[in-house]
C-alpha cells in the first residue's frame, strides 16, 4: 500500500514539474518562449508583443539603450531534440 501511495505522490510531483516546464519556463533555445506557446502557434504573437514593449521602452528612455534599439531574442526557424544528420555526413568515421 505504501508503494502505491508513493507512486501516486511521485506522479503528482512529476505532473506539476512537467506543467511548469512546458507552460511557464522560458527556454533559451526557442527564443525565451515556452514550449506550450510554440506548440500552439502563439510564439509569434508573444514575439510581436515583446517587440512593442521594447520599442516603447526605447522611445521613453533611449539613454538606457546605449548600443542600439532593443530587440526580443530571435526565434529559430527550426528546433530539434536530436537534429537529424545532414546528407553526406556519416557519424561513424573510420
PDB file of N, CA and C in Angstrom:
ATOM      1  N   UNK A   1       0.830  -1.192   0.000  1.00  0.00           N
ATOM      2  CA  UNK A   1       0.000   0.000   0.000  1.00  0.00           C
ATOM      3  C   UNK A   1       0.870   1.250   0.000  1.00  0.00           C
ATOM      4  N   UNK A   2       1.933   1.248   0.775  1.00  0.00           N
ATOM      5  CA  UNK A   2       2.809   2.425   0.840  1.00  0.00           C
ATOM      6  C   UNK A   2       3.421   2.712  -0.525  1.00  0.00           C
ATOM      7  N   UNK A   3       3.740   1.660  -1.260  1.00  0.00           N
ATOM      8  CA  UNK A   3       4.330   1.853  -2.579  1.00  0.00           C
ATOM      9  C   UNK A   3       3.355   2.552  -3.513  1.00  0.00           C
ATOM     10  N   UNK A   4       2.099   2.185  -3.474  1.00  0.00           N
ATOM     11  CA  UNK A   4       1.077   2.819  -4.304  1.00  0.00           C
ATOM     12  C   UNK A   4       0.925   4.297  -3.952  1.00  0.00           C
ATOM     13  N   UNK A   5       0.915   4.604  -2.674  1.00  0.00           N
ATOM     14  CA  UNK A   5       0.799   5.998  -2.238  1.00  0.00           C
ATOM     15  C   UNK A   5       2.012   6.778  -2.713  1.00  0.00           C
ATOM     16  N   UNK A   6       3.207   6.195  -2.571  1.00  0.00           N
ATOM     17  CA  UNK A   6       4.429   6.864  -3.009  1.00  0.00           C
ATOM     18  C   UNK A   6       4.390   7.094  -4.522  1.00  0.00           C
ATOM     19  N   UNK A   7       3.960   6.085  -5.272  1.00  0.00           N
ATOM     20  CA  UNK A   7       3.867   6.230  -6.723  1.00  0.00           C
ATOM     21  C   UNK A   7       2.908   7.333  -7.121  1.00  0.00           C
ATOM     22  N   UNK A   8       1.798   7.437  -6.431  1.00  0.00           N
ATOM     23  CA  UNK A   8       0.824   8.495  -6.696  1.00  0.00           C
ATOM     24  C   UNK A   8       1.425   9.854  -6.392  1.00  0.00           C
ATOM     25  N   UNK A   9       2.127   9.953  -5.272  1.00  0.00           N
ATOM     26  CA  UNK A   9       2.772  11.208  -4.893  1.00  0.00           C
ATOM     27  C   UNK A   9       3.832  11.587  -5.917  1.00  0.00           C
ATOM     28  N   UNK A  10       4.622  10.621  -6.340  1.00  0.00           N
ATOM     29  CA  UNK A  10       5.664  10.865  -7.331  1.00  0.00           C
ATOM     30  C   UNK A  10       5.062  11.326  -8.652  1.00  0.00           C
ATOM     31  N   UNK A  11       4.003  10.662  -9.092  1.00  0.00           N
ATOM     32  CA  UNK A  11       3.355  11.040 -10.346  1.00  0.00           C
ATOM     33  C   UNK A  11       2.802  12.458 -10.261  1.00  0.00           C
ATOM     34  N   UNK A  12       2.203  12.820  -9.136  1.00  0.00           N
ATOM     35  CA  UNK A  12       1.670  14.174  -8.961  1.00  0.00           C
ATOM     36  C   UNK A  12       2.798  15.198  -9.020  1.00  0.00           C
ATOM     37  N   UNK A  13       3.932  14.879  -8.401  1.00  0.00           N
ATOM     38  CA  UNK A  13       5.077  15.785  -8.438  1.00  0.00           C
ATOM     39  C   UNK A  13       5.624  15.949  -9.840  1.00  0.00           C
ATOM     40  N   UNK A  14       5.701  14.859 -10.583  1.00  0.00           N
ATOM     41  CA  UNK A  14       6.184  14.930 -11.968  1.00  0.00           C
ATOM     42  C   UNK A  14       5.224  15.731 -12.831  1.00  0.00           C
ATOM     43  N   UNK A  15       3.941  15.523 -12.654  1.00  0.00           N
ATOM     44  CA  UNK A  15       2.949  16.263 -13.425  1.00  0.00           C
ATOM     45  C   UNK A  15       3.083  17.754 -13.167  1.00  0.00           C
ATOM     46  N   UNK A  16       3.275  18.121 -11.912  1.00  0.00           N
ATOM     47  CA  UNK A  16       3.451  19.535 -11.566  1.00  0.00           C
ATOM     48  C   UNK A  16       4.698  20.102 -12.250  1.00  0.00           C
ATOM     49  N   UNK A  17       5.790  19.339 -12.235  1.00  0.00           N
ATOM     50  CA  UNK A  17       7.023  19.792 -12.883  1.00  0.00           C
ATOM     51  C   UNK A  17       6.827  19.926 -14.390  1.00  0.00           C
ATOM     52  N   UNK A  18       6.234  18.917 -15.020  1.00  0.00           N
ATOM     53  CA  UNK A  18       6.026  18.971 -16.473  1.00  0.00           C
ATOM     54  C   UNK A  18       5.142  20.143 -16.863  1.00  0.00           C
ATOM     55  N   UNK A  19       4.107  20.412 -16.095  1.00  0.00           N
ATOM     56  CA  UNK A  19       3.238  21.558 -16.382  1.00  0.00           C
ATOM     57  C   UNK A  19       4.031  22.862 -16.326  1.00  0.00           C
ATOM     58  N   UNK A  20       4.860  23.016 -15.294  1.00  0.00           N
ATOM     59  CA  UNK A  20       5.689  24.224 -15.175  1.00  0.00           C
ATOM     60  C   UNK A  20       6.675  24.309 -16.337  1.00  0.00           C
ATOM     61  N   UNK A  21       7.361  23.196 -16.616  1.00  0.00           N
ATOM     62  CA  UNK A  21       8.404  23.170 -17.645  1.00  0.00           C
ATOM     63  C   UNK A  21       7.849  23.511 -19.024  1.00  0.00           C
ATOM     64  N   UNK A  22       6.677  23.027 -19.339  1.00  0.00           N
ATOM     65  CA  UNK A  22       6.099  23.239 -20.667  1.00  0.00           C
ATOM     66  C   UNK A  22       5.290  24.518 -20.798  1.00  0.00           C
ATOM     67  N   UNK A  23       4.667  24.993 -19.721  1.00  0.00           N
ATOM     68  CA  UNK A  23       3.751  26.130 -19.833  1.00  0.00           C
ATOM     69  C   UNK A  23       4.286  27.428 -19.238  1.00  0.00           C
ATOM     70  N   UNK A  24       5.278  27.348 -18.348  1.00  0.00           N
ATOM     71  CA  UNK A  24       5.759  28.565 -17.691  1.00  0.00           C
ATOM     72  C   UNK A  24       7.236  28.858 -17.941  1.00  0.00           C
ATOM     73  N   UNK A  25       8.065  27.833 -17.951  1.00  0.00           N
ATOM     74  CA  UNK A  25       9.510  28.017 -18.094  1.00  0.00           C
ATOM     75  C   UNK A  25       9.855  28.448 -19.518  1.00  0.00           C
ATOM     76  N   UNK A  26      10.605  29.532 -19.621  1.00  0.00           N
ATOM     77  CA  UNK A  26      11.016  30.036 -20.936  1.00  0.00           C
ATOM     78  C   UNK A  26      12.366  29.427 -21.298  1.00  0.00           C
ATOM     79  N   UNK A  27      12.454  28.881 -22.500  1.00  0.00           N
ATOM     80  CA  UNK A  27      13.628  28.141 -22.944  1.00  0.00           C
ATOM     81  C   UNK A  27      14.485  28.996 -23.876  1.00  0.00           C
ATOM     82  N   UNK A  28      15.777  29.069 -23.611  1.00  0.00           N
ATOM     83  CA  UNK A  28      16.672  29.895 -24.427  1.00  0.00           C
ATOM     84  C   UNK A  28      16.778  29.380 -25.859  1.00  0.00           C
ATOM     85  N   UNK A  29      16.685  28.091 -26.071  1.00  0.00           N
ATOM     86  CA  UNK A  29      16.813  27.523 -27.410  1.00  0.00           C
ATOM     87  C   UNK A  29      15.655  27.843 -28.333  1.00  0.00           C
ATOM     88  N   UNK A  30      14.546  28.307 -27.785  1.00  0.00           N
ATOM     89  CA  UNK A  30      13.392  28.681 -28.612  1.00  0.00           C
ATOM     90  C   UNK A  30      13.011  30.138 -28.363  1.00  0.00           C
ATOM     91  N   UNK A  31      14.047  30.978 -28.240  1.00  0.00           N
ATOM     92  CA  UNK A  31      13.826  32.424 -28.157  1.00  0.00           C
ATOM     93  C   UNK A  31      13.148  32.891 -26.889  1.00  0.00           C
ATOM     94  N   UNK A  32      13.392  32.204 -25.781  1.00  0.00           N
ATOM     95  CA  UNK A  32      12.794  32.536 -24.483  1.00  0.00           C
ATOM     96  C   UNK A  32      11.265  32.413 -24.501  1.00  0.00           C
ATOM     97  N   UNK A  33      10.773  31.453 -25.260  1.00  0.00           N
ATOM     98  CA  UNK A  33       9.349  31.130 -25.292  1.00  0.00           C
ATOM     99  C   UNK A  33       9.122  29.849 -24.506  1.00  0.00           C
ATOM    100  N   UNK A  34       7.863  29.587 -24.191  1.00  0.00           N
ATOM    101  CA  UNK A  34       7.520  28.316 -23.559  1.00  0.00           C
ATOM    102  C   UNK A  34       7.212  27.302 -24.657  1.00  0.00           C
ATOM    103  N   UNK A  35       7.478  26.021 -24.420  1.00  0.00           N
ATOM    104  CA  UNK A  35       7.108  25.013 -25.404  1.00  0.00           C
ATOM    105  C   UNK A  35       5.605  25.049 -25.726  1.00  0.00           C
ATOM    106  N   UNK A  36       4.789  25.356 -24.738  1.00  0.00           N
ATOM    107  CA  UNK A  36       3.341  25.435 -24.946  1.00  0.00           C
ATOM    108  C   UNK A  36       3.009  26.483 -26.006  1.00  0.00           C
ATOM    109  N   UNK A  37       3.584  27.687 -25.877  1.00  0.00           N
ATOM    110  CA  UNK A  37       3.298  28.747 -26.848  1.00  0.00           C
ATOM    111  C   UNK A  37       3.812  28.400 -28.236  1.00  0.00           C
ATOM    112  N   UNK A  38       4.963  27.765 -28.310  1.00  0.00           N
ATOM    113  CA  UNK A  38       5.499  27.377 -29.618  1.00  0.00           C
ATOM    114  C   UNK A  38       4.605  26.315 -30.244  1.00  0.00           C
ATOM    115  N   UNK A  39       4.256  25.301 -29.477  1.00  0.00           N
ATOM    116  CA  UNK A  39       3.447  24.199 -29.997  1.00  0.00           C
ATOM    117  C   UNK A  39       2.073  24.665 -30.476  1.00  0.00           C
ATOM    118  N   UNK A  40       1.490  25.615 -29.767  1.00  0.00           N
ATOM    119  CA  UNK A  40       0.145  26.082 -30.103  1.00  0.00           C
ATOM    120  C   UNK A  40       0.139  27.321 -30.994  1.00  0.00           C
ATOM    121  N   UNK A  41       1.290  27.673 -31.562  1.00  0.00           N
ATOM    122  CA  UNK A  41       1.358  28.769 -32.525  1.00  0.00           C
ATOM    123  C   UNK A  41       1.214  30.158 -31.934  1.00  0.00           C
ATOM    124  N   UNK A  42       1.502  30.311 -30.666  1.00  0.00           N
ATOM    125  CA  UNK A  42       1.353  31.618 -30.015  1.00  0.00           C
ATOM    126  C   UNK A  42       2.666  32.391 -29.929  1.00  0.00           C
ATOM    127  N   UNK A  43       3.759  31.782 -30.311  1.00  0.00           N
ATOM    128  CA  UNK A  43       5.076  32.416 -30.157  1.00  0.00           C
ATOM    129  C   UNK A  43       5.189  33.692 -30.979  1.00  0.00           C
ATOM    130  N   UNK A  44       4.622  33.720 -32.152  1.00  0.00           N
ATOM    131  CA  UNK A  44       4.697  34.916 -33.000  1.00  0.00           C
ATOM    132  C   UNK A  44       4.004  36.102 -32.341  1.00  0.00           C
ATOM    133  N   UNK A  45       2.834  35.882 -31.770  1.00  0.00           N
ATOM    134  CA  UNK A  45       2.108  36.961 -31.086  1.00  0.00           C
ATOM    135  C   UNK A  45       2.894  37.448 -29.871  1.00  0.00           C
ATOM    136  N   UNK A  46       3.489  36.524 -29.135  1.00  0.00           N
ATOM    137  CA  UNK A  46       4.304  36.896 -27.979  1.00  0.00           C
ATOM    138  C   UNK A  46       5.520  37.694 -28.441  1.00  0.00           C
ATOM    139  N   UNK A  47       6.137  37.262 -29.539  1.00  0.00           N
ATOM    140  CA  UNK A  47       7.311  37.952 -30.084  1.00  0.00           C
ATOM    141  C   UNK A  47       6.962  39.391 -30.470  1.00  0.00           C
ATOM    142  N   UNK A  48       5.826  39.591 -31.114  1.00  0.00           N
ATOM    143  CA  UNK A  48       5.399  40.940 -31.512  1.00  0.00           C
ATOM    144  C   UNK A  48       5.087  41.801 -30.285  1.00  0.00           C
ATOM    145  N   UNK A  49       4.467  41.217 -29.280  1.00  0.00           N
ATOM    146  CA  UNK A  49       4.171  41.960 -28.051  1.00  0.00           C
ATOM    147  C   UNK A  49       5.465  42.381 -27.356  1.00  0.00           C
ATOM    148  N   UNK A  50       6.446  41.499 -27.318  1.00  0.00           N
ATOM    149  CA  UNK A  50       7.737  41.844 -26.722  1.00  0.00           C
ATOM    150  C   UNK A  50       8.399  42.988 -27.485  1.00  0.00           C
ATOM    151  N   UNK A  51       8.328  42.931 -28.812  1.00  0.00           N
ATOM    152  CA  UNK A  51       8.925  43.992 -29.634  1.00  0.00           C
ATOM    153  C   UNK A  51       8.249  45.334 -29.356  1.00  0.00           C
ATOM    154  N   UNK A  52       6.924  45.327 -29.208  1.00  0.00           N
ATOM    155  CA  UNK A  52       6.208  46.576 -28.899  1.00  0.00           C
ATOM    156  C   UNK A  52       6.642  47.140 -27.546  1.00  0.00           C
ATOM    157  N   UNK A  53       6.771  46.280 -26.557  1.00  0.00           N
ATOM    158  CA  UNK A  53       7.194  46.731 -25.226  1.00  0.00           C
ATOM    159  C   UNK A  53       8.605  47.313 -25.290  1.00  0.00           C
ATOM    160  N   UNK A  54       9.500  46.659 -26.000  1.00  0.00           N
ATOM    161  CA  UNK A  54      10.872  47.157 -26.108  1.00  0.00           C
ATOM    162  C   UNK A  54      10.936  48.468 -26.880  1.00  0.00           C
ATOM    163  N   UNK A  55      10.106  48.616 -27.910  1.00  0.00           N
ATOM    164  CA  UNK A  55      10.059  49.875 -28.657  1.00  0.00           C
ATOM    165  C   UNK A  55       9.563  51.002 -27.765  1.00  0.00           C
ATOM    166  N   UNK A  56       8.546  50.739 -26.977  1.00  0.00           N
ATOM    167  CA  UNK A  56       8.033  51.746 -26.042  1.00  0.00           C
ATOM    168  C   UNK A  56       9.106  52.130 -25.024  1.00  0.00           C
ATOM    169  N   UNK A  57       9.793  51.144 -24.485  1.00  0.00           N
ATOM    170  CA  UNK A  57      10.858  51.421 -23.512  1.00  0.00           C
ATOM    171  C   UNK A  57      11.960  52.258 -24.150  1.00  0.00           C
ATOM    172  N   UNK A  58      12.322  51.929 -25.380  1.00  0.00           N
ATOM    173  CA  UNK A  58      13.369  52.679 -26.081  1.00  0.00           C
ATOM    174  C   UNK A  58      12.918  54.110 -26.365  1.00  0.00           C
ATOM    175  N   UNK A  59      11.669  54.275 -26.777  1.00  0.00           N
ATOM    176  CA  UNK A  59      11.133  55.605 -27.073  1.00  0.00           C
ATOM    177  C   UNK A  59      11.117  56.478 -25.822  1.00  0.00           C
ATOM    178  N   UNK A  60      10.727  55.909 -24.707  1.00  0.00           N
ATOM    179  CA  UNK A  60      10.618  56.671 -23.465  1.00  0.00           C
ATOM    180  C   UNK A  60      11.965  56.898 -22.770  1.00  0.00           C
ATOM    181  N   UNK A  61      12.900  55.982 -22.945  1.00  0.00           N
ATOM    182  CA  UNK A  61      14.194  56.090 -22.251  1.00  0.00           C
ATOM    183  C   UNK A  61      15.341  55.617 -23.145  1.00  0.00           C
ATOM    184  N   UNK A  62      15.645  56.328 -24.224  1.00  0.00           N
ATOM    185  CA  UNK A  62      16.716  55.878 -25.118  1.00  0.00           C
ATOM    186  C   UNK A  62      18.087  55.840 -24.437  1.00  0.00           C
ATOM    187  N   UNK A  63      18.261  56.614 -23.384  1.00  0.00           N
ATOM    188  CA  UNK A  63      19.549  56.635 -22.681  1.00  0.00           C
ATOM    189  C   UNK A  63      19.877  55.292 -22.020  1.00  0.00           C
ATOM    190  N   UNK A  64      18.880  54.474 -21.817  1.00  0.00           N
ATOM    191  CA  UNK A  64      19.109  53.157 -21.208  1.00  0.00           C
ATOM    192  C   UNK A  64      19.659  52.140 -22.206  1.00  0.00           C
ATOM    193  N   UNK A  65      19.573  52.468 -23.471  1.00  0.00           N
ATOM    194  CA  UNK A  65      19.986  51.533 -24.518  1.00  0.00           C
ATOM    195  C   UNK A  65      21.116  52.180 -25.310  1.00  0.00           C
ATOM    196  N   UNK A  66      22.335  52.056 -24.827  1.00  0.00           N
ATOM    197  CA  UNK A  66      23.463  52.795 -25.383  1.00  0.00           C
ATOM    198  C   UNK A  66      23.974  52.226 -26.703  1.00  0.00           C
ATOM    199  N   UNK A  67      23.707  50.991 -26.997  1.00  0.00           N
ATOM    200  CA  UNK A  67      24.258  50.388 -28.215  1.00  0.00           C
ATOM    201  C   UNK A  67      23.303  50.458 -29.401  1.00  0.00           C
ATOM    202  N   UNK A  68      22.072  50.098 -29.186  1.00  0.00           N
ATOM    203  CA  UNK A  68      21.122  50.052 -30.296  1.00  0.00           C
ATOM    204  C   UNK A  68      19.702  49.887 -29.768  1.00  0.00           C
ATOM    205  N   UNK A  69      18.756  49.952 -30.683  1.00  0.00           N
ATOM    206  CA  UNK A  69      17.354  49.712 -30.358  1.00  0.00           C
ATOM    207  C   UNK A  69      17.221  48.258 -29.906  1.00  0.00           C
ATOM    208  N   UNK A  70      16.590  47.995 -28.761  1.00  0.00           N
ATOM    209  CA  UNK A  70      16.493  46.619 -28.263  1.00  0.00           C
ATOM    210  C   UNK A  70      15.554  45.762 -29.106  1.00  0.00           C
ATOM    211  N   UNK A  71      15.891  44.499 -29.224  1.00  0.00           N
ATOM    212  CA  UNK A  71      15.091  43.522 -29.961  1.00  0.00           C
ATOM    213  C   UNK A  71      14.853  42.307 -29.066  1.00  0.00           C
ATOM    214  N   UNK A  72      13.694  41.681 -29.192  1.00  0.00           N
ATOM    215  CA  UNK A  72      13.487  40.440 -28.430  1.00  0.00           C
ATOM    216  C   UNK A  72      14.412  39.352 -28.971  1.00  0.00           C
ATOM    217  N   UNK A  73      14.673  38.311 -28.190  1.00  0.00           N
ATOM    218  CA  UNK A  73      15.525  37.220 -28.673  1.00  0.00           C
ATOM    219  C   UNK A  73      14.976  36.646 -29.976  1.00  0.00           C
ATOM    220  N   UNK A  74      15.873  36.264 -30.857  1.00  0.00           N
ATOM    221  CA  UNK A  74      15.434  35.705 -32.135  1.00  0.00           C
ATOM    222  C   UNK A  74      14.780  34.350 -31.910  1.00  0.00           C
ATOM    223  N   UNK A  75      13.840  34.065 -32.772  1.00  0.00           N
ATOM    224  CA  UNK A  75      13.106  32.808 -32.709  1.00  0.00           C
ATOM    225  C   UNK A  75      13.638  31.901 -33.811  1.00  0.00           C
ATOM    226  N   UNK A  76      14.103  30.703 -33.486  1.00  0.00           N
ATOM    227  CA  UNK A  76      14.660  29.825 -34.516  1.00  0.00           C
ATOM    228  C   UNK A  76      13.593  29.374 -35.508  1.00  0.00           C
ATOM    229  N   UNK A  77      14.011  29.137 -36.739  1.00  0.00           N
ATOM    230  CA  UNK A  77      13.062  28.667 -37.753  1.00  0.00           C
ATOM    231  C   UNK A  77      12.783  27.177 -37.597  1.00  0.00           C
ATOM    232  N   UNK A  78      13.744  26.441 -37.054  1.00  0.00           N
ATOM    233  CA  UNK A  78      13.542  25.017 -36.765  1.00  0.00           C
ATOM    234  C   UNK A  78      14.144  24.717 -35.403  1.00  0.00           C
ATOM    235  N   UNK A  79      13.580  23.748 -34.733  1.00  0.00           N
ATOM    236  CA  UNK A  79      14.136  23.291 -33.461  1.00  0.00           C
ATOM    237  C   UNK A  79      14.150  21.767 -33.459  1.00  0.00           C
ATOM    238  N   UNK A  80      15.090  21.216 -32.733  1.00  0.00           N
ATOM    239  CA  UNK A  80      15.241  19.766 -32.681  1.00  0.00           C
ATOM    240  C   UNK A  80      15.536  19.326 -31.262  1.00  0.00           C
ATOM    241  N   UNK A  81      15.116  18.133 -30.949  1.00  0.00           N
ATOM    242  CA  UNK A  81      15.615  17.485 -29.746  1.00  0.00           C
ATOM    243  C   UNK A  81      16.900  16.759 -30.135  1.00  0.00           C
ATOM    244  N   UNK A  82      16.833  15.992 -31.194  1.00  0.00           N
ATOM    245  CA  UNK A  82      18.004  15.330 -31.780  1.00  0.00           C
ATOM    246  C   UNK A  82      17.999  15.660 -33.262  1.00  0.00           C
ATOM    247  N   UNK A  83      18.841  16.597 -33.670  1.00  0.00           N
ATOM    248  CA  UNK A  83      18.861  17.025 -35.070  1.00  0.00           C
ATOM    249  C   UNK A  83      19.278  15.864 -35.959  1.00  0.00           C
ATOM    250  N   UNK A  84      18.508  15.615 -37.034  1.00  0.00           N
ATOM    251  CA  UNK A  84      18.888  14.549 -37.960  1.00  0.00           C
ATOM    252  C   UNK A  84      20.223  14.882 -38.624  1.00  0.00           C
ATOM    253  N   UNK A  85      20.948  13.839 -38.972  1.00  0.00           N
ATOM    254  CA  UNK A  85      22.221  14.066 -39.653  1.00  0.00           C
ATOM    255  C   UNK A  85      21.977  14.654 -41.029  1.00  0.00           C
ATOM    256  N   UNK A  86      22.874  15.531 -41.427  1.00  0.00           N
ATOM    257  CA  UNK A  86      22.781  16.120 -42.756  1.00  0.00           C
ATOM    258  C   UNK A  86      23.219  15.086 -43.781  1.00  0.00           C
ATOM    259  N   UNK A  87      22.675  15.181 -45.001  1.00  0.00           N
ATOM    260  CA  UNK A  87      23.034  14.228 -46.053  1.00  0.00           C
ATOM    261  C   UNK A  87      24.523  14.287 -46.334  1.00  0.00           C
ATOM    262  N   UNK A  88      25.107  13.125 -46.543  1.00  0.00           N
ATOM    263  CA  UNK A  88      26.517  13.062 -46.866  1.00  0.00           C
ATOM    264  C   UNK A  88      27.420  13.083 -45.648  1.00  0.00           C
ATOM    265  N   UNK A  89      26.855  13.268 -44.473  1.00  0.00           N
ATOM    266  CA  UNK A  89      27.660  13.291 -43.249  1.00  0.00           C
ATOM    267  C   UNK A  89      27.449  11.972 -42.523  1.00  0.00           C
ATOM    268  N   UNK A  90      28.526  11.293 -42.257  1.00  0.00           N
ATOM    269  CA  UNK A  90      28.453   9.998 -41.611  1.00  0.00           C
ATOM    270  C   UNK A  90      28.961  10.128 -40.182  1.00  0.00           C
ATOM    271  N   UNK A  91      28.146   9.729 -39.228  1.00  0.00           N
ATOM    272  CA  UNK A  91      28.558   9.841 -37.831  1.00  0.00           C
ATOM    273  C   UNK A  91      29.596   8.783 -37.463  1.00  0.00           C
ATOM    274  N   UNK A  92      29.681   7.737 -38.248  1.00  0.00           N
ATOM    275  CA  UNK A  92      30.643   6.670 -37.982  1.00  0.00           C
ATOM    276  C   UNK A  92      31.854   6.874 -38.886  1.00  0.00           C
ATOM    277  N   UNK A  93      32.834   7.602 -38.424  1.00  0.00           N
ATOM    278  CA  UNK A  93      34.027   7.843 -39.232  1.00  0.00           C
ATOM    279  C   UNK A  93      35.119   6.878 -38.823  1.00  0.00           C
ATOM    280  N   UNK A  94      35.922   6.469 -39.786  1.00  0.00           N
ATOM    281  CA  UNK A  94      36.989   5.495 -39.524  1.00  0.00           C
ATOM    282  C   UNK A  94      38.219   6.166 -38.988  1.00  0.00           C
TER     283      UNK A  94
END
